[in-house]
């Protein structure tokens, strides 16, 4: 999927399959970056997590609650799994299905953080969980380099006019 058409197909596929928690697309960083940096009015709340990360697992329900709270607003929650591609069907898909996660889930297929982290969040050490809120059109970029607390994301989002 190197062309713009490939990205458009991925976006359509995400839209169709986001309701099916067992459908988790595997993406490269360039594809993820194109999805979350579109110059539109949507605020992207992107959480990087893993099934083996206890603080990540603890905060995941907050992101589904956020998705419900802002369902009528231009806020899109994306959960980016940092698990390995080889564990997609054995760990990630069952994890998402068993926890009934409704937010869009992607698996990032990148093994070397050093090749892409600075392009997205230079201040990120790579520790999980990590959340970034982005809106290219309004020049919003908010880094949260720790587990989020209940109500914390809502407080951040409400600072912006959406």
N, C-alpha and C. Protein backbone atom coordinates (compact mmCIF):
# COMPACT_ATOMS: atom_id res chain seq x y z
N UNK A 1 0.83 -1.18 0.00
CA UNK A 1 0.00 0.00 0.00
C UNK A 1 0.88 1.25 0.00
N UNK A 2 1.57 1.47 -1.06
CA UNK A 2 2.46 2.62 -1.12
C UNK A 2 1.77 3.85 -1.70
N UNK A 3 0.72 3.68 -2.40
CA UNK A 3 0.07 4.81 -3.06
C UNK A 3 -1.02 5.41 -2.20
N UNK A 4 -1.48 6.58 -2.62
CA UNK A 4 -2.61 7.22 -1.96
C UNK A 4 -3.84 6.34 -2.01
N UNK A 5 -3.99 5.58 -3.10
CA UNK A 5 -5.11 4.66 -3.23
C UNK A 5 -5.05 3.60 -2.14
N UNK A 6 -3.85 3.12 -1.84
CA UNK A 6 -3.68 2.12 -0.79
C UNK A 6 -4.12 2.66 0.56
N UNK A 7 -3.76 3.90 0.84
CA UNK A 7 -4.16 4.52 2.11
C UNK A 7 -5.66 4.69 2.15
N UNK A 8 -6.25 5.11 1.04
CA UNK A 8 -7.71 5.27 0.98
C UNK A 8 -8.41 3.94 1.23
N UNK A 9 -7.88 2.86 0.66
CA UNK A 9 -8.46 1.54 0.88
C UNK A 9 -8.35 1.14 2.35
N UNK A 10 -7.21 1.45 2.99
CA UNK A 10 -7.03 1.15 4.40
C UNK A 10 -8.03 1.92 5.24
N UNK A 11 -8.24 3.20 4.92
CA UNK A 11 -9.19 4.03 5.66
C UNK A 11 -10.60 3.46 5.52
N UNK A 12 -10.98 3.08 4.30
CA UNK A 12 -12.30 2.48 4.09
C UNK A 12 -12.43 1.17 4.87
N UNK A 13 -11.37 0.37 4.84
CA UNK A 13 -11.38 -0.90 5.53
C UNK A 13 -11.53 -0.68 7.03
N UNK A 14 -10.83 0.33 7.58
CA UNK A 14 -10.95 0.64 9.00
C UNK A 14 -12.37 1.04 9.35
N UNK A 15 -12.99 1.83 8.51
CA UNK A 15 -14.35 2.27 8.76
C UNK A 15 -15.33 1.12 8.77
N UNK A 16 -15.17 0.19 7.86
CA UNK A 16 -16.07 -0.94 7.75
C UNK A 16 -15.85 -1.92 8.89
N UNK A 17 -14.59 -2.10 9.30
CA UNK A 17 -14.26 -3.14 10.25
C UNK A 17 -14.07 -2.68 11.69
N UNK A 18 -14.20 -1.39 11.97
CA UNK A 18 -13.95 -0.93 13.33
C UNK A 18 -14.94 -1.52 14.33
N UNK A 19 -16.12 -1.86 13.88
CA UNK A 19 -17.12 -2.44 14.78
C UNK A 19 -16.79 -3.90 15.12
N UNK A 20 -15.99 -4.54 14.29
CA UNK A 20 -15.62 -5.92 14.53
C UNK A 20 -14.28 -5.94 15.24
N UNK A 21 -14.30 -6.14 16.56
CA UNK A 21 -13.07 -6.02 17.34
C UNK A 21 -12.03 -7.05 16.95
N UNK A 22 -12.43 -8.15 16.30
CA UNK A 22 -11.44 -9.14 15.91
C UNK A 22 -10.73 -8.78 14.61
N UNK A 23 -11.11 -7.71 13.94
CA UNK A 23 -10.46 -7.26 12.71
C UNK A 23 -9.47 -6.16 13.06
N UNK A 24 -8.21 -6.52 13.07
CA UNK A 24 -7.18 -5.57 13.47
C UNK A 24 -6.16 -5.45 12.34
N UNK A 25 -6.16 -4.31 11.65
CA UNK A 25 -5.19 -4.14 10.57
C UNK A 25 -3.77 -3.96 11.10
N UNK A 26 -2.83 -4.47 10.35
CA UNK A 26 -1.41 -4.31 10.64
C UNK A 26 -0.91 -3.19 9.75
N UNK A 27 -0.29 -2.17 10.34
CA UNK A 27 0.15 -1.01 9.58
C UNK A 27 1.62 -0.70 9.84
N UNK A 28 2.22 -0.05 8.91
CA UNK A 28 3.57 0.51 9.06
C UNK A 28 3.41 1.94 9.58
N UNK A 29 4.49 2.52 10.06
CA UNK A 29 4.42 3.85 10.63
C UNK A 29 3.91 4.88 9.62
N UNK A 30 4.39 4.83 8.38
CA UNK A 30 3.96 5.81 7.38
C UNK A 30 2.44 5.78 7.19
N UNK A 31 1.85 4.59 7.22
CA UNK A 31 0.40 4.47 7.08
C UNK A 31 -0.30 5.08 8.29
N UNK A 32 0.20 4.78 9.49
CA UNK A 32 -0.38 5.35 10.70
C UNK A 32 -0.28 6.86 10.68
N UNK A 33 0.87 7.37 10.31
CA UNK A 33 1.07 8.82 10.28
C UNK A 33 0.09 9.49 9.32
N UNK A 34 -0.15 8.89 8.18
CA UNK A 34 -1.11 9.47 7.23
C UNK A 34 -2.52 9.46 7.80
N UNK A 35 -2.86 8.44 8.58
CA UNK A 35 -4.20 8.36 9.16
C UNK A 35 -4.43 9.42 10.23
N UNK A 36 -3.41 9.74 11.02
CA UNK A 36 -3.60 10.61 12.18
C UNK A 36 -3.15 12.05 11.96
N UNK A 37 -2.64 12.36 10.79
CA UNK A 37 -2.19 13.74 10.54
C UNK A 37 -2.92 14.37 9.35
N UNK A 38 -4.12 13.91 9.09
CA UNK A 38 -4.91 14.51 8.01
C UNK A 38 -5.29 15.94 8.41
N UNK A 39 -5.23 16.87 7.47
CA UNK A 39 -5.58 18.26 7.80
C UNK A 39 -7.10 18.47 7.83
N UNK A 40 -7.75 17.90 8.84
CA UNK A 40 -9.20 18.03 8.97
C UNK A 40 -9.53 18.51 10.39
N UNK A 41 -10.79 18.51 10.74
CA UNK A 41 -11.23 19.01 12.04
C UNK A 41 -11.25 17.94 13.13
N UNK A 42 -10.82 16.75 12.82
CA UNK A 42 -10.87 15.65 13.79
C UNK A 42 -9.67 15.70 14.72
N UNK A 43 -9.94 15.52 16.01
CA UNK A 43 -8.88 15.37 17.00
C UNK A 43 -8.63 13.88 17.15
N UNK A 44 -7.42 13.45 16.88
CA UNK A 44 -7.05 12.05 17.00
C UNK A 44 -6.43 11.81 18.37
N UNK A 45 -7.02 10.88 19.12
CA UNK A 45 -6.49 10.47 20.41
C UNK A 45 -5.88 9.10 20.16
N UNK A 46 -4.55 9.06 20.15
CA UNK A 46 -3.83 7.85 19.74
C UNK A 46 -3.07 7.31 20.94
N UNK A 47 -3.44 6.10 21.34
CA UNK A 47 -2.82 5.47 22.49
C UNK A 47 -1.95 4.30 22.02
N UNK A 48 -0.72 4.28 22.47
CA UNK A 48 0.21 3.19 22.18
C UNK A 48 0.23 2.29 23.41
N UNK A 49 0.00 0.99 23.20
CA UNK A 49 -0.19 0.05 24.28
C UNK A 49 0.28 -1.33 23.87
N UNK A 50 0.25 -2.27 24.79
CA UNK A 50 0.55 -3.67 24.49
C UNK A 50 -0.21 -4.57 25.46
N UNK A 51 -0.49 -5.78 25.01
CA UNK A 51 -1.24 -6.72 25.84
C UNK A 51 -0.48 -7.11 27.11
N UNK A 52 0.84 -7.07 27.07
CA UNK A 52 1.68 -7.46 28.20
C UNK A 52 1.96 -6.32 29.17
N UNK A 53 1.44 -5.13 28.89
CA UNK A 53 1.70 -3.94 29.70
C UNK A 53 0.53 -3.72 30.67
N UNK A 54 0.75 -4.00 31.97
CA UNK A 54 -0.33 -3.89 32.96
C UNK A 54 -0.94 -2.49 33.03
N UNK A 55 -0.15 -1.40 33.06
CA UNK A 55 -0.77 -0.07 33.08
C UNK A 55 -1.58 0.22 31.81
N UNK A 56 -1.14 -0.33 30.69
CA UNK A 56 -1.89 -0.17 29.43
C UNK A 56 -3.26 -0.82 29.53
N UNK A 57 -3.26 -2.06 30.00
CA UNK A 57 -4.50 -2.83 30.11
C UNK A 57 -5.46 -2.12 31.05
N UNK A 58 -4.93 -1.58 32.14
CA UNK A 58 -5.77 -0.90 33.12
C UNK A 58 -6.47 0.33 32.54
N UNK A 59 -5.77 1.08 31.65
CA UNK A 59 -6.36 2.31 31.13
C UNK A 59 -7.22 2.12 29.88
N UNK A 60 -7.18 0.97 29.23
CA UNK A 60 -7.93 0.78 27.98
C UNK A 60 -9.43 1.08 28.10
N UNK A 61 -10.11 0.69 29.18
CA UNK A 61 -11.53 1.04 29.27
C UNK A 61 -11.80 2.54 29.22
N UNK A 62 -10.85 3.35 29.67
CA UNK A 62 -11.02 4.80 29.61
C UNK A 62 -11.10 5.30 28.17
N UNK A 63 -10.41 4.63 27.26
CA UNK A 63 -10.45 5.04 25.86
C UNK A 63 -11.78 4.67 25.20
N UNK A 64 -12.33 3.52 25.56
CA UNK A 64 -13.65 3.18 25.04
C UNK A 64 -14.71 4.13 25.61
N UNK A 65 -14.57 4.51 26.87
CA UNK A 65 -15.49 5.49 27.47
C UNK A 65 -15.35 6.83 26.76
N UNK A 66 -14.14 7.22 26.44
CA UNK A 66 -13.89 8.46 25.71
C UNK A 66 -14.56 8.42 24.34
N UNK A 67 -14.44 7.28 23.68
CA UNK A 67 -15.08 7.11 22.36
C UNK A 67 -16.59 7.32 22.47
N UNK A 68 -17.20 6.78 23.51
CA UNK A 68 -18.64 6.95 23.70
C UNK A 68 -18.99 8.40 24.05
N UNK A 69 -18.21 9.02 24.92
CA UNK A 69 -18.47 10.39 25.35
C UNK A 69 -18.44 11.37 24.17
N UNK A 70 -17.52 11.16 23.25
CA UNK A 70 -17.34 12.09 22.14
C UNK A 70 -17.85 11.53 20.81
N UNK A 71 -18.79 10.61 20.89
CA UNK A 71 -19.32 9.96 19.69
C UNK A 71 -19.90 10.95 18.69
N UNK A 72 -20.44 12.06 19.16
CA UNK A 72 -21.05 13.05 18.25
C UNK A 72 -20.10 14.21 17.92
N UNK A 73 -18.89 14.13 18.43
CA UNK A 73 -17.88 15.18 18.18
C UNK A 73 -16.84 14.66 17.21
N UNK A 74 -16.01 15.54 16.75
CA UNK A 74 -14.94 15.15 15.82
C UNK A 74 -13.70 14.71 16.60
N UNK A 75 -13.88 13.59 17.32
CA UNK A 75 -12.82 12.97 18.10
C UNK A 75 -12.74 11.51 17.69
N UNK A 76 -11.56 11.05 17.34
CA UNK A 76 -11.37 9.65 16.92
C UNK A 76 -10.32 9.02 17.83
N UNK A 77 -10.71 7.93 18.48
CA UNK A 77 -9.82 7.19 19.35
C UNK A 77 -9.20 6.04 18.55
N UNK A 78 -7.88 5.96 18.62
CA UNK A 78 -7.16 4.88 17.95
C UNK A 78 -6.21 4.24 18.95
N UNK A 79 -6.31 2.93 19.09
CA UNK A 79 -5.45 2.18 19.99
C UNK A 79 -4.42 1.44 19.15
N UNK A 80 -3.16 1.79 19.30
CA UNK A 80 -2.10 1.22 18.48
C UNK A 80 -1.32 0.20 19.31
N UNK A 81 -1.52 -1.06 18.98
CA UNK A 81 -0.83 -2.13 19.69
C UNK A 81 0.63 -2.19 19.26
N UNK A 82 1.49 -2.32 20.26
CA UNK A 82 2.92 -2.46 20.02
C UNK A 82 3.35 -3.91 20.17
N UNK A 83 2.37 -4.81 20.23
CA UNK A 83 2.68 -6.24 20.25
C UNK A 83 3.30 -6.61 18.91
N UNK A 84 3.93 -7.76 18.84
CA UNK A 84 4.55 -8.18 17.59
C UNK A 84 3.51 -8.72 16.62
N UNK A 85 3.81 -8.59 15.35
CA UNK A 85 2.90 -9.07 14.30
C UNK A 85 2.62 -10.56 14.46
N UNK A 86 3.61 -11.32 14.92
CA UNK A 86 3.40 -12.77 15.03
C UNK A 86 2.42 -13.13 16.16
N UNK A 87 2.13 -12.18 17.06
CA UNK A 87 1.17 -12.46 18.14
C UNK A 87 -0.22 -11.91 17.84
N UNK A 88 -0.42 -11.38 16.65
CA UNK A 88 -1.71 -10.78 16.31
C UNK A 88 -2.87 -11.74 16.55
N UNK A 89 -2.83 -12.92 15.95
CA UNK A 89 -3.97 -13.84 16.06
C UNK A 89 -4.00 -14.61 17.37
N UNK A 90 -2.84 -14.81 18.00
CA UNK A 90 -2.81 -15.60 19.23
C UNK A 90 -3.02 -14.77 20.49
N UNK A 91 -2.64 -13.49 20.47
CA UNK A 91 -2.77 -12.67 21.68
C UNK A 91 -3.62 -11.42 21.49
N UNK A 92 -3.33 -10.64 20.46
CA UNK A 92 -3.98 -9.33 20.32
C UNK A 92 -5.46 -9.48 19.98
N UNK A 93 -5.77 -10.26 18.97
CA UNK A 93 -7.18 -10.41 18.58
C UNK A 93 -8.02 -10.98 19.73
N UNK A 94 -7.59 -12.07 20.38
CA UNK A 94 -8.38 -12.57 21.51
C UNK A 94 -8.49 -11.55 22.65
N UNK A 95 -7.42 -10.82 22.92
CA UNK A 95 -7.43 -9.80 23.97
C UNK A 95 -8.50 -8.74 23.68
N UNK A 96 -8.51 -8.23 22.47
CA UNK A 96 -9.47 -7.18 22.08
C UNK A 96 -10.89 -7.73 22.10
N UNK A 97 -11.07 -8.94 21.59
CA UNK A 97 -12.40 -9.56 21.55
C UNK A 97 -12.91 -9.83 22.97
N UNK A 98 -12.08 -10.42 23.83
CA UNK A 98 -12.50 -10.77 25.19
C UNK A 98 -12.84 -9.55 26.04
N UNK A 99 -12.18 -8.44 25.78
CA UNK A 99 -12.44 -7.22 26.54
C UNK A 99 -13.48 -6.32 25.86
N UNK A 100 -13.99 -6.80 24.73
CA UNK A 100 -15.04 -6.09 23.99
C UNK A 100 -14.66 -4.64 23.70
N UNK A 101 -13.42 -4.44 23.26
CA UNK A 101 -12.92 -3.11 22.93
C UNK A 101 -13.60 -2.62 21.65
N UNK A 102 -14.19 -1.44 21.71
CA UNK A 102 -14.94 -0.88 20.58
C UNK A 102 -14.14 0.15 19.79
N UNK A 103 -13.10 0.70 20.38
CA UNK A 103 -12.29 1.69 19.67
C UNK A 103 -11.55 1.03 18.52
N UNK A 104 -11.11 1.84 17.57
CA UNK A 104 -10.31 1.34 16.45
C UNK A 104 -8.97 0.85 17.00
N UNK A 105 -8.63 -0.39 16.65
CA UNK A 105 -7.36 -0.98 17.09
C UNK A 105 -6.53 -1.30 15.85
N UNK A 106 -5.27 -0.90 15.90
CA UNK A 106 -4.30 -1.20 14.85
C UNK A 106 -3.11 -1.87 15.51
N UNK A 107 -2.37 -2.65 14.74
CA UNK A 107 -1.11 -3.19 15.22
C UNK A 107 0.00 -2.55 14.40
N UNK A 108 0.93 -1.90 15.08
CA UNK A 108 2.03 -1.23 14.40
C UNK A 108 3.15 -2.23 14.16
N UNK A 109 3.44 -2.48 12.91
CA UNK A 109 4.46 -3.44 12.51
C UNK A 109 5.78 -2.72 12.26
N UNK A 110 6.41 -2.30 13.35
CA UNK A 110 7.72 -1.64 13.29
C UNK A 110 8.55 -2.20 14.43
N UNK A 111 9.73 -2.70 14.13
CA UNK A 111 10.55 -3.31 15.17
C UNK A 111 11.57 -2.35 15.75
N UNK A 112 11.88 -1.26 15.06
CA UNK A 112 12.89 -0.32 15.52
C UNK A 112 12.28 1.04 15.81
N UNK A 113 12.02 1.32 17.09
CA UNK A 113 11.44 2.60 17.49
C UNK A 113 12.24 3.80 16.99
N UNK A 114 13.55 3.64 16.93
CA UNK A 114 14.42 4.76 16.55
C UNK A 114 14.17 5.27 15.14
N UNK A 115 13.55 4.46 14.30
CA UNK A 115 13.32 4.89 12.92
C UNK A 115 12.09 5.77 12.76
N UNK A 116 11.21 5.82 13.77
CA UNK A 116 9.97 6.59 13.59
C UNK A 116 9.53 7.43 14.78
N UNK A 117 9.98 7.14 15.99
CA UNK A 117 9.49 7.86 17.17
C UNK A 117 9.70 9.36 17.06
N UNK A 118 10.88 9.78 16.65
CA UNK A 118 11.16 11.22 16.57
C UNK A 118 10.28 11.94 15.56
N UNK A 119 9.76 11.22 14.58
CA UNK A 119 8.87 11.83 13.60
C UNK A 119 7.49 12.11 14.21
N UNK A 120 7.11 11.35 15.21
CA UNK A 120 5.79 11.50 15.81
C UNK A 120 5.85 12.23 17.15
N UNK A 121 6.64 11.72 18.07
CA UNK A 121 6.71 12.26 19.43
C UNK A 121 8.16 12.19 19.90
N UNK A 122 8.97 13.21 19.59
CA UNK A 122 10.39 13.16 19.93
C UNK A 122 10.66 13.01 21.43
N UNK A 123 9.76 13.50 22.27
CA UNK A 123 9.98 13.41 23.71
C UNK A 123 9.63 12.05 24.31
N UNK A 124 9.08 11.16 23.50
CA UNK A 124 8.69 9.84 23.98
C UNK A 124 9.90 8.93 24.09
N UNK A 125 10.06 8.30 25.26
CA UNK A 125 11.18 7.39 25.50
C UNK A 125 10.93 6.00 24.91
N UNK A 126 9.68 5.73 24.56
CA UNK A 126 9.32 4.40 24.08
C UNK A 126 8.58 3.59 25.14
N UNK A 127 8.53 4.12 26.38
CA UNK A 127 7.83 3.43 27.47
C UNK A 127 6.33 3.44 27.21
N UNK A 128 5.67 2.35 27.58
CA UNK A 128 4.23 2.22 27.43
C UNK A 128 3.56 2.34 28.78
N UNK A 129 2.33 2.82 28.79
CA UNK A 129 1.55 3.36 27.69
C UNK A 129 1.95 4.80 27.37
N UNK A 130 1.54 5.25 26.20
CA UNK A 130 1.77 6.62 25.76
C UNK A 130 0.58 7.03 24.93
N UNK A 131 0.14 8.27 25.12
CA UNK A 131 -0.99 8.80 24.37
C UNK A 131 -0.57 10.14 23.77
N UNK A 132 -1.00 10.37 22.55
CA UNK A 132 -0.78 11.66 21.91
C UNK A 132 -2.11 12.10 21.30
N UNK A 133 -2.43 13.38 21.47
CA UNK A 133 -3.63 13.97 20.88
C UNK A 133 -3.16 14.87 19.75
N UNK A 134 -3.73 14.69 18.56
CA UNK A 134 -3.26 15.39 17.37
C UNK A 134 -4.39 15.96 16.55
N UNK A 135 -4.18 17.16 16.06
CA UNK A 135 -5.03 17.76 15.04
C UNK A 135 -4.14 18.69 14.24
N UNK A 136 -3.80 18.27 13.03
CA UNK A 136 -2.86 19.03 12.20
C UNK A 136 -3.43 20.39 11.82
N UNK A 137 -4.71 20.44 11.48
CA UNK A 137 -5.33 21.69 11.02
C UNK A 137 -5.30 22.76 12.11
N UNK A 138 -5.55 22.37 13.36
CA UNK A 138 -5.57 23.33 14.46
C UNK A 138 -4.22 23.37 15.21
N UNK A 139 -3.24 22.68 14.67
CA UNK A 139 -1.89 22.65 15.26
C UNK A 139 -1.92 22.18 16.72
N UNK A 140 -2.70 21.12 16.97
CA UNK A 140 -2.78 20.53 18.30
C UNK A 140 -1.88 19.31 18.33
N UNK A 141 -1.05 19.26 19.34
CA UNK A 141 -0.20 18.10 19.58
C UNK A 141 0.08 18.05 21.07
N UNK A 142 -0.54 17.12 21.76
CA UNK A 142 -0.41 17.01 23.22
C UNK A 142 0.09 15.62 23.57
N UNK A 143 1.22 15.54 24.22
CA UNK A 143 1.87 14.29 24.59
C UNK A 143 1.53 13.95 26.04
N UNK A 144 1.11 12.71 26.27
CA UNK A 144 0.86 12.21 27.62
C UNK A 144 1.71 10.96 27.77
N UNK A 145 2.84 11.08 28.43
CA UNK A 145 3.80 9.99 28.52
C UNK A 145 3.68 9.14 29.77
N UNK A 146 2.46 8.93 30.21
CA UNK A 146 2.20 8.13 31.41
C UNK A 146 0.79 7.55 31.28
N UNK A 147 0.44 6.61 32.14
CA UNK A 147 -0.94 6.12 32.11
C UNK A 147 -1.91 7.26 32.40
N UNK A 148 -3.01 7.31 31.67
CA UNK A 148 -4.00 8.37 31.90
C UNK A 148 -4.90 7.99 33.07
N UNK A 149 -5.37 9.01 33.74
CA UNK A 149 -6.30 8.85 34.85
C UNK A 149 -7.72 9.10 34.35
N UNK A 150 -8.70 8.62 35.09
CA UNK A 150 -10.10 8.84 34.74
C UNK A 150 -10.37 10.34 34.67
N UNK A 151 -10.92 10.80 33.55
CA UNK A 151 -11.27 12.20 33.36
C UNK A 151 -10.14 13.06 32.79
N UNK A 152 -8.92 12.56 32.79
CA UNK A 152 -7.78 13.35 32.32
C UNK A 152 -7.88 13.71 30.84
N UNK A 153 -8.23 12.76 30.00
CA UNK A 153 -8.33 13.04 28.57
C UNK A 153 -9.48 13.99 28.26
N UNK A 154 -10.59 13.82 28.96
CA UNK A 154 -11.73 14.72 28.77
C UNK A 154 -11.33 16.15 29.11
N UNK A 155 -10.56 16.31 30.18
CA UNK A 155 -10.09 17.62 30.59
C UNK A 155 -9.20 18.25 29.51
N UNK A 156 -8.34 17.44 28.93
CA UNK A 156 -7.47 17.93 27.85
C UNK A 156 -8.29 18.30 26.62
N UNK A 157 -9.18 17.40 26.22
CA UNK A 157 -9.99 17.62 25.01
C UNK A 157 -10.86 18.86 25.15
N UNK A 158 -11.42 19.06 26.31
CA UNK A 158 -12.32 20.21 26.52
C UNK A 158 -11.61 21.56 26.45
N UNK A 159 -10.29 21.57 26.43
CA UNK A 159 -9.52 22.80 26.27
C UNK A 159 -9.58 23.30 24.83
N UNK A 160 -9.89 22.39 23.92
CA UNK A 160 -9.88 22.73 22.49
C UNK A 160 -11.30 22.92 21.98
N UNK A 161 -11.44 23.81 21.01
CA UNK A 161 -12.76 24.02 20.39
C UNK A 161 -12.90 23.06 19.23
N UNK A 162 -13.76 22.09 19.42
CA UNK A 162 -13.96 21.06 18.39
C UNK A 162 -15.30 21.19 17.74
